[in-house]
Amino acid sequence: MITFLNESAKYRAAREKLLQKEIELRRAMEAVAAARRELPPGGAVREDYVFQGAGVDGAPADLRLSELFAPGKDSLVIYNFMFPRHVEDERPGPGEGQTARLPLAEGPCPSCTALLDQWDAAIVPLEAAGVNFVVVAKTSIDRLLNFARDRGWKVEDIAFSPGEQGGFKEVVLSVGGDLAGALLVEVSDRHARALRREPAGGRGADP
């Protein structure tokens, strides 16, 4: 047993009790992950939806859903970036760059930004494993690309959903609501199918 210097018996008893809960939590997370991997494919995406994103020269360009799949890579992870942020989010916005000039309510979510900072560093091994990764958001394409460049992200992996009725966030594959989340899409039987969504909130969150 590992103990800390000068710890009390009361502390050790409480720590061992907490350790058992941590072990139970880890096992529960592993069980949920295993069940998630066993989910059947979702409905087929019948339309090749069009997004705005960064073209080969870095300028805004139209991109079809089918073009988000690189040759030989049948899995696509789509992250729904909260840009603009949640209406009740009053945390400070960017301190520099063009995005810092935006009103706070029109700026990006700090939590999404921190997560994408980490994921950007993992893009190379992720793609090497055969996974495509893109980001969608509801802000304008210019704002999104400017912010991506300010953060040093790979801007060719950024896509923009143009509207409530025609955009990916509200219609395609049911990526709805105000909170961020990730969606896994896979090509099988010549159809793109939604496999699962990982919500940041909503029905799966605790009250």
N, C-alpha and C. Protein backbone atom coordinates (compact mmCIF):
# COMPACT_ATOMS: atom_id res chain seq x y z
N MET A 1 0.85 -1.19 0.00
CA MET A 1 0.00 0.00 0.00
C MET A 1 0.88 1.25 0.00
N ILE A 2 0.56 2.20 -0.86
CA ILE A 2 1.28 3.47 -0.91
C ILE A 2 0.62 4.44 0.06
N THR A 3 1.42 5.05 0.91
CA THR A 3 0.90 6.05 1.86
C THR A 3 1.69 7.33 1.71
N PHE A 4 1.11 8.42 2.23
CA PHE A 4 1.76 9.72 2.19
C PHE A 4 2.37 10.04 3.55
N LEU A 5 3.42 10.84 3.52
CA LEU A 5 4.11 11.21 4.75
C LEU A 5 3.17 11.93 5.71
N ASN A 6 3.16 11.47 6.95
CA ASN A 6 2.40 12.11 8.03
C ASN A 6 0.89 12.07 7.83
N GLU A 7 0.40 11.18 6.98
CA GLU A 7 -1.05 11.11 6.81
C GLU A 7 -1.69 10.46 8.04
N SER A 8 -2.92 10.82 8.30
CA SER A 8 -3.65 10.28 9.45
C SER A 8 -4.38 9.00 9.06
N ALA A 9 -4.76 8.23 10.07
CA ALA A 9 -5.54 7.02 9.82
C ALA A 9 -6.90 7.38 9.21
N LYS A 10 -7.45 8.53 9.63
CA LYS A 10 -8.73 8.97 9.08
C LYS A 10 -8.61 9.26 7.60
N TYR A 11 -7.50 9.93 7.23
CA TYR A 11 -7.29 10.23 5.80
C TYR A 11 -7.13 8.93 5.01
N ARG A 12 -6.32 7.99 5.53
CA ARG A 12 -6.07 6.76 4.78
C ARG A 12 -7.36 5.96 4.58
N ALA A 13 -8.21 5.90 5.61
CA ALA A 13 -9.46 5.17 5.49
C ALA A 13 -10.36 5.80 4.42
N ALA A 14 -10.43 7.14 4.44
CA ALA A 14 -11.26 7.85 3.46
C ALA A 14 -10.69 7.70 2.05
N ARG A 15 -9.36 7.71 1.97
CA ARG A 15 -8.73 7.59 0.64
C ARG A 15 -8.96 6.20 0.06
N GLU A 16 -8.87 5.17 0.89
CA GLU A 16 -9.11 3.82 0.40
C GLU A 16 -10.57 3.63 -0.04
N LYS A 17 -11.47 4.27 0.70
CA LYS A 17 -12.89 4.22 0.31
C LYS A 17 -13.11 4.89 -1.03
N LEU A 18 -12.46 6.06 -1.22
CA LEU A 18 -12.57 6.77 -2.49
C LEU A 18 -11.94 5.97 -3.63
N LEU A 19 -10.82 5.30 -3.34
CA LEU A 19 -10.15 4.49 -4.35
C LEU A 19 -11.08 3.42 -4.92
N GLN A 20 -11.86 2.79 -4.07
CA GLN A 20 -12.79 1.77 -4.53
C GLN A 20 -13.83 2.36 -5.48
N LYS A 21 -14.29 3.59 -5.17
CA LYS A 21 -15.25 4.26 -6.05
C LYS A 21 -14.60 4.62 -7.38
N GLU A 22 -13.32 5.01 -7.34
CA GLU A 22 -12.61 5.33 -8.57
C GLU A 22 -12.45 4.09 -9.45
N ILE A 23 -12.18 2.96 -8.82
CA ILE A 23 -12.07 1.70 -9.57
C ILE A 23 -13.40 1.34 -10.19
N GLU A 24 -14.49 1.50 -9.43
CA GLU A 24 -15.83 1.21 -9.95
C GLU A 24 -16.16 2.14 -11.12
N LEU A 25 -15.77 3.41 -11.01
CA LEU A 25 -16.02 4.37 -12.07
C LEU A 25 -15.27 3.97 -13.34
N ARG A 26 -13.99 3.58 -13.20
CA ARG A 26 -13.21 3.19 -14.37
C ARG A 26 -13.83 1.98 -15.06
N ARG A 27 -14.25 1.01 -14.27
CA ARG A 27 -14.87 -0.19 -14.85
C ARG A 27 -16.18 0.15 -15.55
N ALA A 28 -16.95 1.06 -14.95
CA ALA A 28 -18.21 1.47 -15.58
C ALA A 28 -17.94 2.20 -16.90
N MET A 29 -16.92 3.06 -16.93
CA MET A 29 -16.56 3.77 -18.16
C MET A 29 -16.13 2.80 -19.25
N GLU A 30 -15.36 1.79 -18.86
CA GLU A 30 -14.92 0.80 -19.83
C GLU A 30 -16.10 -0.01 -20.37
N ALA A 31 -17.06 -0.31 -19.50
CA ALA A 31 -18.25 -1.05 -19.94
C ALA A 31 -19.09 -0.22 -20.90
N VAL A 32 -19.25 1.09 -20.60
CA VAL A 32 -20.00 1.97 -21.48
C VAL A 32 -19.29 2.09 -22.83
N ALA A 33 -17.95 2.22 -22.80
CA ALA A 33 -17.20 2.32 -24.05
C ALA A 33 -17.37 1.06 -24.90
N ALA A 34 -17.36 -0.10 -24.24
CA ALA A 34 -17.55 -1.36 -24.97
C ALA A 34 -18.95 -1.43 -25.58
N ALA A 35 -19.96 -1.00 -24.82
CA ALA A 35 -21.33 -1.00 -25.34
C ALA A 35 -21.48 -0.01 -26.49
N ARG A 36 -20.80 1.12 -26.41
CA ARG A 36 -20.84 2.12 -27.47
C ARG A 36 -20.27 1.55 -28.77
N ARG A 37 -19.17 0.81 -28.65
CA ARG A 37 -18.56 0.22 -29.84
C ARG A 37 -19.46 -0.83 -30.50
N GLU A 38 -20.39 -1.37 -29.76
CA GLU A 38 -21.28 -2.40 -30.30
C GLU A 38 -22.56 -1.82 -30.89
N LEU A 39 -22.73 -0.51 -30.86
CA LEU A 39 -23.93 0.09 -31.44
C LEU A 39 -24.03 -0.23 -32.93
N PRO A 40 -25.21 -0.51 -33.43
CA PRO A 40 -25.37 -0.75 -34.88
C PRO A 40 -25.29 0.56 -35.64
N PRO A 41 -25.01 0.52 -36.95
CA PRO A 41 -24.97 1.75 -37.74
C PRO A 41 -26.32 2.46 -37.73
N GLY A 42 -26.28 3.77 -37.87
CA GLY A 42 -27.50 4.56 -37.94
C GLY A 42 -28.03 4.60 -39.37
N GLY A 43 -28.95 5.53 -39.62
CA GLY A 43 -29.56 5.63 -40.94
C GLY A 43 -28.60 6.16 -41.99
N ALA A 44 -28.84 5.75 -43.22
CA ALA A 44 -27.99 6.20 -44.33
C ALA A 44 -28.23 7.67 -44.64
N VAL A 45 -27.17 8.39 -45.00
CA VAL A 45 -27.27 9.79 -45.42
C VAL A 45 -27.52 9.78 -46.92
N ARG A 46 -28.70 10.18 -47.33
CA ARG A 46 -29.10 10.06 -48.73
C ARG A 46 -28.64 11.21 -49.61
N GLU A 47 -28.23 12.32 -49.00
CA GLU A 47 -27.86 13.49 -49.79
C GLU A 47 -26.40 13.85 -49.54
N ASP A 48 -25.71 14.23 -50.60
CA ASP A 48 -24.30 14.63 -50.48
C ASP A 48 -24.26 16.12 -50.14
N TYR A 49 -24.42 16.44 -48.86
CA TYR A 49 -24.56 17.82 -48.42
C TYR A 49 -23.30 18.65 -48.72
N VAL A 50 -23.52 19.94 -48.93
CA VAL A 50 -22.44 20.86 -49.27
C VAL A 50 -22.13 21.76 -48.08
N PHE A 51 -20.85 21.88 -47.77
CA PHE A 51 -20.36 22.77 -46.72
C PHE A 51 -19.47 23.83 -47.35
N GLN A 52 -19.16 24.85 -46.55
CA GLN A 52 -18.07 25.75 -46.90
C GLN A 52 -16.89 25.41 -46.01
N GLY A 53 -15.71 25.36 -46.61
CA GLY A 53 -14.52 25.04 -45.84
C GLY A 53 -13.31 25.66 -46.50
N ALA A 54 -12.13 25.24 -46.07
CA ALA A 54 -10.89 25.74 -46.65
C ALA A 54 -10.48 24.85 -47.80
N GLY A 55 -10.26 25.47 -48.97
CA GLY A 55 -9.80 24.72 -50.12
C GLY A 55 -8.31 24.44 -50.06
N VAL A 56 -7.76 23.90 -51.13
CA VAL A 56 -6.34 23.52 -51.14
C VAL A 56 -5.43 24.71 -50.97
N ASP A 57 -5.90 25.90 -51.38
CA ASP A 57 -5.09 27.11 -51.23
C ASP A 57 -5.39 27.86 -49.94
N GLY A 58 -6.25 27.29 -49.09
CA GLY A 58 -6.59 27.92 -47.82
C GLY A 58 -7.75 28.88 -47.90
N ALA A 59 -8.22 29.19 -49.11
CA ALA A 59 -9.35 30.10 -49.29
C ALA A 59 -10.67 29.34 -49.12
N PRO A 60 -11.77 30.05 -48.77
CA PRO A 60 -13.07 29.38 -48.64
C PRO A 60 -13.47 28.68 -49.93
N ALA A 61 -14.04 27.50 -49.80
CA ALA A 61 -14.47 26.72 -50.96
C ALA A 61 -15.60 25.81 -50.55
N ASP A 62 -16.43 25.40 -51.53
CA ASP A 62 -17.50 24.45 -51.27
C ASP A 62 -16.93 23.04 -51.16
N LEU A 63 -17.39 22.29 -50.15
CA LEU A 63 -16.95 20.91 -49.94
C LEU A 63 -18.17 20.05 -49.73
N ARG A 64 -18.26 18.94 -50.45
CA ARG A 64 -19.35 18.00 -50.26
C ARG A 64 -19.02 17.03 -49.14
N LEU A 65 -20.06 16.45 -48.54
CA LEU A 65 -19.87 15.48 -47.48
C LEU A 65 -18.95 14.35 -47.93
N SER A 66 -19.15 13.89 -49.15
CA SER A 66 -18.34 12.79 -49.67
C SER A 66 -16.86 13.17 -49.77
N GLU A 67 -16.59 14.46 -49.93
CA GLU A 67 -15.21 14.91 -50.07
C GLU A 67 -14.50 15.00 -48.73
N LEU A 68 -15.23 14.84 -47.64
CA LEU A 68 -14.62 14.85 -46.32
C LEU A 68 -13.98 13.51 -45.98
N PHE A 69 -14.22 12.50 -46.84
CA PHE A 69 -13.60 11.19 -46.67
C PHE A 69 -12.39 11.09 -47.58
N ALA A 70 -11.19 10.97 -47.00
CA ALA A 70 -9.99 10.78 -47.80
C ALA A 70 -9.99 9.38 -48.39
N PRO A 71 -9.32 9.17 -49.52
CA PRO A 71 -9.28 7.83 -50.13
C PRO A 71 -8.78 6.77 -49.15
N GLY A 72 -9.53 5.68 -49.06
CA GLY A 72 -9.12 4.58 -48.19
C GLY A 72 -9.48 4.75 -46.73
N LYS A 73 -10.13 5.87 -46.38
CA LYS A 73 -10.51 6.12 -44.99
C LYS A 73 -12.03 6.21 -44.89
N ASP A 74 -12.64 5.22 -44.26
CA ASP A 74 -14.09 5.12 -44.26
C ASP A 74 -14.76 5.72 -43.02
N SER A 75 -13.98 6.19 -42.05
CA SER A 75 -14.55 6.76 -40.82
C SER A 75 -14.32 8.27 -40.78
N LEU A 76 -15.34 8.99 -40.36
CA LEU A 76 -15.28 10.45 -40.29
C LEU A 76 -15.79 10.90 -38.92
N VAL A 77 -14.96 11.61 -38.19
CA VAL A 77 -15.35 12.20 -36.91
C VAL A 77 -15.65 13.68 -37.15
N ILE A 78 -16.86 14.10 -36.79
CA ILE A 78 -17.29 15.49 -36.99
C ILE A 78 -17.48 16.13 -35.63
N TYR A 79 -16.75 17.20 -35.36
CA TYR A 79 -16.89 17.92 -34.09
C TYR A 79 -17.69 19.19 -34.32
N ASN A 80 -18.75 19.34 -33.52
CA ASN A 80 -19.62 20.51 -33.60
C ASN A 80 -19.08 21.59 -32.67
N PHE A 81 -18.38 22.55 -33.23
CA PHE A 81 -17.71 23.62 -32.50
C PHE A 81 -18.71 24.72 -32.17
N MET A 82 -18.84 25.05 -30.89
CA MET A 82 -19.77 26.10 -30.46
C MET A 82 -19.18 27.48 -30.75
N PHE A 83 -19.36 27.91 -31.98
CA PHE A 83 -18.89 29.22 -32.43
C PHE A 83 -19.99 29.77 -33.32
N PRO A 84 -20.91 30.62 -32.80
CA PRO A 84 -20.80 31.34 -31.53
C PRO A 84 -21.04 30.45 -30.30
N ARG A 85 -20.59 30.97 -29.18
CA ARG A 85 -20.68 30.25 -27.91
C ARG A 85 -22.11 30.20 -27.39
N HIS A 86 -22.31 29.43 -26.31
CA HIS A 86 -23.62 29.37 -25.67
C HIS A 86 -24.00 30.76 -25.16
N VAL A 87 -25.29 31.08 -25.26
CA VAL A 87 -25.75 32.42 -24.92
C VAL A 87 -25.51 32.78 -23.45
N GLU A 88 -25.38 31.79 -22.57
CA GLU A 88 -25.17 32.07 -21.15
C GLU A 88 -23.70 31.99 -20.75
N ASP A 89 -22.82 31.76 -21.70
CA ASP A 89 -21.39 31.64 -21.41
C ASP A 89 -20.76 33.03 -21.36
N GLU A 90 -20.34 33.44 -20.18
CA GLU A 90 -19.75 34.78 -20.00
C GLU A 90 -18.25 34.72 -19.70
N ARG A 91 -17.62 33.58 -19.95
CA ARG A 91 -16.18 33.50 -19.75
C ARG A 91 -15.44 34.39 -20.74
N PRO A 92 -14.24 34.86 -20.40
CA PRO A 92 -13.50 35.76 -21.30
C PRO A 92 -13.26 35.12 -22.67
N GLY A 93 -13.24 35.95 -23.70
CA GLY A 93 -12.96 35.48 -25.04
C GLY A 93 -11.48 35.59 -25.36
N PRO A 94 -11.10 35.37 -26.62
CA PRO A 94 -9.69 35.46 -27.02
C PRO A 94 -9.11 36.83 -26.69
N GLY A 95 -7.85 36.85 -26.29
CA GLY A 95 -7.22 38.11 -25.92
C GLY A 95 -6.50 38.79 -27.05
N GLU A 96 -6.32 38.08 -28.18
CA GLU A 96 -5.63 38.67 -29.32
C GLU A 96 -6.15 38.06 -30.61
N GLY A 97 -5.73 38.64 -31.73
CA GLY A 97 -6.18 38.17 -33.03
C GLY A 97 -7.49 38.83 -33.44
N GLN A 98 -7.93 38.53 -34.66
CA GLN A 98 -9.14 39.16 -35.19
C GLN A 98 -10.38 38.77 -34.40
N THR A 99 -10.40 37.55 -33.86
CA THR A 99 -11.57 37.09 -33.12
C THR A 99 -11.76 37.87 -31.83
N ALA A 100 -10.69 38.44 -31.29
CA ALA A 100 -10.79 39.21 -30.05
C ALA A 100 -11.63 40.46 -30.24
N ARG A 101 -11.83 40.91 -31.48
CA ARG A 101 -12.62 42.11 -31.75
C ARG A 101 -14.11 41.83 -31.78
N LEU A 102 -14.50 40.56 -31.80
CA LEU A 102 -15.92 40.22 -31.86
C LEU A 102 -16.61 40.47 -30.53
N PRO A 103 -17.92 40.78 -30.55
CA PRO A 103 -18.67 40.80 -29.29
C PRO A 103 -18.57 39.43 -28.63
N LEU A 104 -18.57 39.42 -27.30
CA LEU A 104 -18.38 38.17 -26.57
C LEU A 104 -19.37 37.10 -27.01
N ALA A 105 -20.64 37.47 -27.21
CA ALA A 105 -21.67 36.50 -27.55
C ALA A 105 -21.46 35.88 -28.92
N GLU A 106 -20.68 36.53 -29.78
CA GLU A 106 -20.44 36.02 -31.13
C GLU A 106 -19.13 35.25 -31.23
N GLY A 107 -18.39 35.17 -30.13
CA GLY A 107 -17.09 34.51 -30.14
C GLY A 107 -17.18 33.01 -29.90
N PRO A 108 -16.03 32.33 -29.93
CA PRO A 108 -16.01 30.87 -29.78
C PRO A 108 -16.07 30.43 -28.32
N CYS A 109 -16.54 29.23 -28.11
CA CYS A 109 -16.59 28.63 -26.78
C CYS A 109 -15.17 28.34 -26.28
N PRO A 110 -14.80 28.81 -25.08
CA PRO A 110 -13.44 28.53 -24.56
C PRO A 110 -13.17 27.04 -24.36
N SER A 111 -14.18 26.28 -23.93
CA SER A 111 -13.98 24.85 -23.71
C SER A 111 -13.75 24.12 -25.03
N CYS A 112 -14.55 24.45 -26.05
CA CYS A 112 -14.35 23.86 -27.37
C CYS A 112 -12.95 24.21 -27.90
N THR A 113 -12.55 25.45 -27.68
CA THR A 113 -11.25 25.90 -28.15
C THR A 113 -10.12 25.10 -27.50
N ALA A 114 -10.20 24.92 -26.19
CA ALA A 114 -9.17 24.15 -25.49
C ALA A 114 -9.14 22.71 -25.97
N LEU A 115 -10.31 22.13 -26.22
CA LEU A 115 -10.36 20.75 -26.69
C LEU A 115 -9.77 20.63 -28.09
N LEU A 116 -10.10 21.58 -28.97
CA LEU A 116 -9.57 21.53 -30.33
C LEU A 116 -8.07 21.80 -30.37
N ASP A 117 -7.57 22.60 -29.43
CA ASP A 117 -6.12 22.78 -29.32
C ASP A 117 -5.43 21.44 -29.12
N GLN A 118 -6.04 20.60 -28.27
CA GLN A 118 -5.46 19.28 -27.99
C GLN A 118 -5.64 18.34 -29.17
N TRP A 119 -6.81 18.35 -29.78
CA TRP A 119 -7.07 17.45 -30.90
C TRP A 119 -6.22 17.79 -32.11
N ASP A 120 -5.91 19.08 -32.29
CA ASP A 120 -5.10 19.47 -33.43
C ASP A 120 -3.74 18.76 -33.39
N ALA A 121 -3.20 18.60 -32.18
CA ALA A 121 -1.91 17.93 -32.04
C ALA A 121 -2.02 16.43 -32.32
N ALA A 122 -3.25 15.89 -32.23
CA ALA A 122 -3.45 14.46 -32.43
C ALA A 122 -3.92 14.12 -33.83
N ILE A 123 -4.03 15.12 -34.72
CA ILE A 123 -4.58 14.89 -36.06
C ILE A 123 -3.71 13.90 -36.84
N VAL A 124 -2.40 14.06 -36.81
CA VAL A 124 -1.52 13.20 -37.61
C VAL A 124 -1.66 11.73 -37.24
N PRO A 125 -1.53 11.35 -35.95
CA PRO A 125 -1.73 9.93 -35.63
C PRO A 125 -3.17 9.47 -35.85
N LEU A 126 -4.14 10.38 -35.70
CA LEU A 126 -5.54 10.01 -35.94
C LEU A 126 -5.75 9.67 -37.40
N GLU A 127 -5.22 10.51 -38.28
CA GLU A 127 -5.36 10.26 -39.71
C GLU A 127 -4.57 9.02 -40.12
N ALA A 128 -3.42 8.81 -39.48
CA ALA A 128 -2.63 7.62 -39.78
C ALA A 128 -3.37 6.33 -39.43
N ALA A 129 -4.29 6.44 -38.46
CA ALA A 129 -5.08 5.28 -38.06
C ALA A 129 -6.29 5.07 -38.97
N GLY A 130 -6.44 5.92 -40.00
CA GLY A 130 -7.53 5.75 -40.95
C GLY A 130 -8.78 6.53 -40.65
N VAL A 131 -8.67 7.58 -39.83
CA VAL A 131 -9.84 8.37 -39.43
C VAL A 131 -9.76 9.77 -40.04
N ASN A 132 -10.87 10.22 -40.62
CA ASN A 132 -10.99 11.60 -41.07
C ASN A 132 -11.57 12.43 -39.93
N PHE A 133 -11.09 13.67 -39.76
CA PHE A 133 -11.58 14.53 -38.68
C PHE A 133 -11.90 15.90 -39.24
N VAL A 134 -13.11 16.38 -38.99
CA VAL A 134 -13.49 17.72 -39.42
C VAL A 134 -14.21 18.44 -38.29
N VAL A 135 -14.26 19.76 -38.41
CA VAL A 135 -14.94 20.60 -37.43
C VAL A 135 -16.03 21.37 -38.16
N VAL A 136 -17.24 21.40 -37.59
CA VAL A 136 -18.31 22.23 -38.15
C VAL A 136 -18.72 23.27 -37.12
N ALA A 137 -19.18 24.41 -37.60
CA ALA A 137 -19.61 25.49 -36.71
C ALA A 137 -20.66 26.32 -37.42
N LYS A 138 -21.35 27.18 -36.67
CA LYS A 138 -22.43 28.00 -37.24
C LYS A 138 -21.99 29.42 -37.56
N THR A 139 -20.76 29.79 -37.23
CA THR A 139 -20.29 31.13 -37.53
C THR A 139 -19.96 31.24 -39.01
N SER A 140 -19.57 32.43 -39.45
CA SER A 140 -19.22 32.60 -40.87
C SER A 140 -17.90 31.90 -41.16
N ILE A 141 -17.71 31.53 -42.42
CA ILE A 141 -16.50 30.82 -42.81
C ILE A 141 -15.26 31.69 -42.58
N ASP A 142 -15.36 32.98 -42.83
CA ASP A 142 -14.21 33.86 -42.64
C ASP A 142 -13.80 33.91 -41.17
N ARG A 143 -14.78 34.04 -40.28
CA ARG A 143 -14.47 34.07 -38.85
C ARG A 143 -13.84 32.77 -38.39
N LEU A 144 -14.38 31.67 -38.90
CA LEU A 144 -13.87 30.37 -38.48
C LEU A 144 -12.44 30.15 -38.96
N LEU A 145 -12.17 30.48 -40.21
CA LEU A 145 -10.82 30.29 -40.74
C LEU A 145 -9.82 31.23 -40.07
N ASN A 146 -10.25 32.47 -39.81
CA ASN A 146 -9.36 33.41 -39.13
C ASN A 146 -8.98 32.90 -37.74
N PHE A 147 -9.98 32.40 -37.01
CA PHE A 147 -9.70 31.90 -35.67
C PHE A 147 -8.82 30.65 -35.72
N ALA A 148 -9.09 29.77 -36.69
CA ALA A 148 -8.28 28.57 -36.84
C ALA A 148 -6.82 28.93 -37.10
N ARG A 149 -6.60 29.93 -37.92
CA ARG A 149 -5.22 30.35 -38.22
C ARG A 149 -4.59 31.01 -37.00
N ASP A 150 -5.37 31.79 -36.25
CA ASP A 150 -4.85 32.40 -35.03
C ASP A 150 -4.37 31.33 -34.05
N ARG A 151 -5.10 30.20 -33.99
CA ARG A 151 -4.74 29.12 -33.07
C ARG A 151 -3.70 28.19 -33.64
N GLY A 152 -3.41 28.31 -34.95
CA GLY A 152 -2.44 27.42 -35.57
C GLY A 152 -3.01 26.06 -35.93
N TRP A 153 -4.36 25.96 -36.08
CA TRP A 153 -4.98 24.69 -36.41
C TRP A 153 -4.82 24.39 -37.90
N LYS A 154 -5.03 23.13 -38.27
CA LYS A 154 -5.02 22.72 -39.67
C LYS A 154 -6.32 23.18 -40.32
N VAL A 155 -6.27 24.29 -41.03
CA VAL A 155 -7.51 24.90 -41.50
C VAL A 155 -8.19 24.09 -42.60
N GLU A 156 -7.47 23.16 -43.26
CA GLU A 156 -8.14 22.39 -44.30
C GLU A 156 -9.16 21.43 -43.71
N ASP A 157 -9.14 21.25 -42.39
CA ASP A 157 -10.08 20.33 -41.76
C ASP A 157 -11.26 21.07 -41.13
N ILE A 158 -11.46 22.32 -41.51
CA ILE A 158 -12.54 23.12 -40.95
C ILE A 158 -13.68 23.23 -41.96
N ALA A 159 -14.91 23.02 -41.51
CA ALA A 159 -16.08 23.19 -42.37
C ALA A 159 -17.10 24.05 -41.66
N PHE A 160 -17.97 24.69 -42.44
CA PHE A 160 -18.94 25.65 -41.90
C PHE A 160 -20.34 25.23 -42.34
N SER A 161 -21.30 25.23 -41.40
CA SER A 161 -22.67 24.91 -41.77
C SER A 161 -23.43 26.21 -42.01
N PRO A 162 -23.96 26.42 -43.21
CA PRO A 162 -24.45 27.73 -43.58
C PRO A 162 -25.78 28.16 -42.99
N GLY A 163 -26.62 27.26 -42.46
CA GLY A 163 -27.90 27.74 -41.98
C GLY A 163 -28.69 26.70 -41.23
N GLU A 164 -29.76 27.15 -40.60
CA GLU A 164 -30.59 26.28 -39.79
C GLU A 164 -31.21 25.14 -40.60
N GLN A 165 -31.67 25.43 -41.82
CA GLN A 165 -32.39 24.42 -42.59
C GLN A 165 -31.49 23.65 -43.54
N GLY A 166 -30.41 24.26 -44.01
CA GLY A 166 -29.56 23.56 -44.96
C GLY A 166 -28.23 23.12 -44.41
N GLY A 167 -27.95 23.44 -43.17
CA GLY A 167 -26.63 23.17 -42.62
C GLY A 167 -26.55 21.86 -41.88
N PHE A 168 -25.36 21.46 -41.60
CA PHE A 168 -25.12 20.17 -40.95
C PHE A 168 -25.58 20.17 -39.51
N LYS A 169 -25.48 21.28 -38.82
CA LYS A 169 -25.71 21.29 -37.38
C LYS A 169 -27.16 20.93 -37.03
N GLU A 170 -28.10 21.42 -37.80
CA GLU A 170 -29.49 21.24 -37.43
C GLU A 170 -30.20 20.12 -38.18
N VAL A 171 -29.69 19.74 -39.35
CA VAL A 171 -30.45 18.81 -40.17
C VAL A 171 -29.71 17.49 -40.38
N VAL A 172 -28.52 17.54 -40.91
CA VAL A 172 -27.84 16.33 -41.31
C VAL A 172 -27.45 15.49 -40.10
N LEU A 173 -27.84 14.24 -40.10
CA LEU A 173 -27.45 13.28 -39.07
C LEU A 173 -27.90 13.68 -37.67
N SER A 174 -28.84 14.64 -37.59
CA SER A 174 -29.43 15.02 -36.31
C SER A 174 -28.41 15.54 -35.29
N VAL A 175 -27.45 16.34 -35.75
CA VAL A 175 -26.53 16.98 -34.81
C VAL A 175 -27.21 18.27 -34.37
N GLY A 176 -28.12 18.18 -33.41
CA GLY A 176 -28.93 19.34 -33.06
C GLY A 176 -28.61 19.89 -31.70
N GLY A 177 -29.28 20.99 -31.33
CA GLY A 177 -29.12 21.57 -30.02
C GLY A 177 -28.03 22.63 -29.98
N ASP A 178 -27.89 23.26 -28.80
CA ASP A 178 -26.95 24.35 -28.65
C ASP A 178 -25.58 23.90 -28.15
N LEU A 179 -25.47 22.68 -27.64
CA LEU A 179 -24.23 22.26 -27.02
C LEU A 179 -23.35 21.49 -27.99
N ALA A 180 -22.05 21.53 -27.72
CA ALA A 180 -21.11 20.88 -28.61
C ALA A 180 -21.19 19.37 -28.48
N GLY A 181 -20.69 18.69 -29.49
CA GLY A 181 -20.64 17.23 -29.44
C GLY A 181 -19.87 16.71 -30.63
N ALA A 182 -19.57 15.43 -30.62
CA ALA A 182 -18.86 14.81 -31.72
C ALA A 182 -19.72 13.72 -32.32
N LEU A 183 -19.59 13.52 -33.62
CA LEU A 183 -20.37 12.53 -34.34
C LEU A 183 -19.43 11.68 -35.17
N LEU A 184 -19.64 10.37 -35.15
CA LEU A 184 -18.84 9.46 -35.96
C LEU A 184 -19.68 8.97 -37.12
N VAL A 185 -19.16 9.15 -38.32
CA VAL A 185 -19.83 8.71 -39.54
C VAL A 185 -18.93 7.70 -40.23
N GLU A 186 -19.52 6.64 -40.76
CA GLU A 186 -18.72 5.62 -41.42
C GLU A 186 -19.38 5.23 -42.73
N VAL A 187 -18.54 4.93 -43.73
CA VAL A 187 -19.04 4.48 -45.02
C VAL A 187 -19.14 2.97 -45.02
N SER A 188 -20.34 2.45 -45.29
CA SER A 188 -20.54 1.02 -45.42
C SER A 188 -21.64 0.79 -46.43
N ASP A 189 -21.54 -0.28 -47.21
CA ASP A 189 -22.53 -0.57 -48.24
C ASP A 189 -22.73 0.63 -49.16
N ARG A 190 -21.64 1.35 -49.41
CA ARG A 190 -21.64 2.52 -50.31
C ARG A 190 -22.50 3.67 -49.79
N HIS A 191 -22.85 3.64 -48.51
CA HIS A 191 -23.62 4.74 -47.91
C HIS A 191 -22.86 5.27 -46.70
N ALA A 192 -22.93 6.59 -46.51
CA ALA A 192 -22.43 7.18 -45.26
C ALA A 192 -23.49 6.98 -44.20
N ARG A 193 -23.11 6.45 -43.06
CA ARG A 193 -24.07 6.17 -41.99
C ARG A 193 -23.59 6.80 -40.68
N ALA A 194 -24.53 7.37 -39.94
CA ALA A 194 -24.20 7.90 -38.61
C ALA A 194 -24.09 6.72 -37.66
N LEU A 195 -22.94 6.61 -36.98
CA LEU A 195 -22.76 5.53 -36.02
C LEU A 195 -23.15 5.96 -34.62
N ARG A 196 -22.60 7.07 -34.15
CA ARG A 196 -22.93 7.50 -32.80
C ARG A 196 -22.56 8.96 -32.63
N ARG A 197 -23.24 9.58 -31.68
CA ARG A 197 -22.95 10.96 -31.31
C ARG A 197 -22.53 10.99 -29.87
N GLU A 198 -21.51 11.79 -29.55
CA GLU A 198 -21.06 11.95 -28.17
C GLU A 198 -21.42 13.36 -27.72
N PRO A 199 -22.56 13.56 -27.05
CA PRO A 199 -23.00 14.91 -26.68
C PRO A 199 -22.25 15.46 -25.49
N ALA A 200 -22.10 16.77 -25.46
CA ALA A 200 -21.55 17.42 -24.27
C ALA A 200 -22.65 17.69 -23.25
N GLY A 201 -23.88 17.60 -23.67
CA GLY A 201 -24.99 17.84 -22.77
C GLY A 201 -26.26 17.31 -23.38
N GLY A 202 -27.42 17.77 -22.91
CA GLY A 202 -28.67 17.30 -23.46
C GLY A 202 -29.20 16.10 -22.69
N ARG A 203 -29.84 15.18 -23.42
CA ARG A 203 -30.56 14.09 -22.77
C ARG A 203 -29.62 13.17 -21.99
N GLY A 204 -28.34 13.06 -22.42
CA GLY A 204 -27.42 12.16 -21.73
C GLY A 204 -26.75 12.77 -20.52
N ALA A 205 -26.98 14.05 -20.27
CA ALA A 205 -26.31 14.72 -19.15
C ALA A 205 -27.12 14.61 -17.87
N ASP A 206 -26.42 14.66 -16.73
CA ASP A 206 -27.12 14.69 -15.45
C ASP A 206 -27.85 16.01 -15.30
N PRO A 207 -28.98 16.03 -14.59
CA PRO A 207 -29.69 17.30 -14.40
C PRO A 207 -28.89 18.25 -13.51
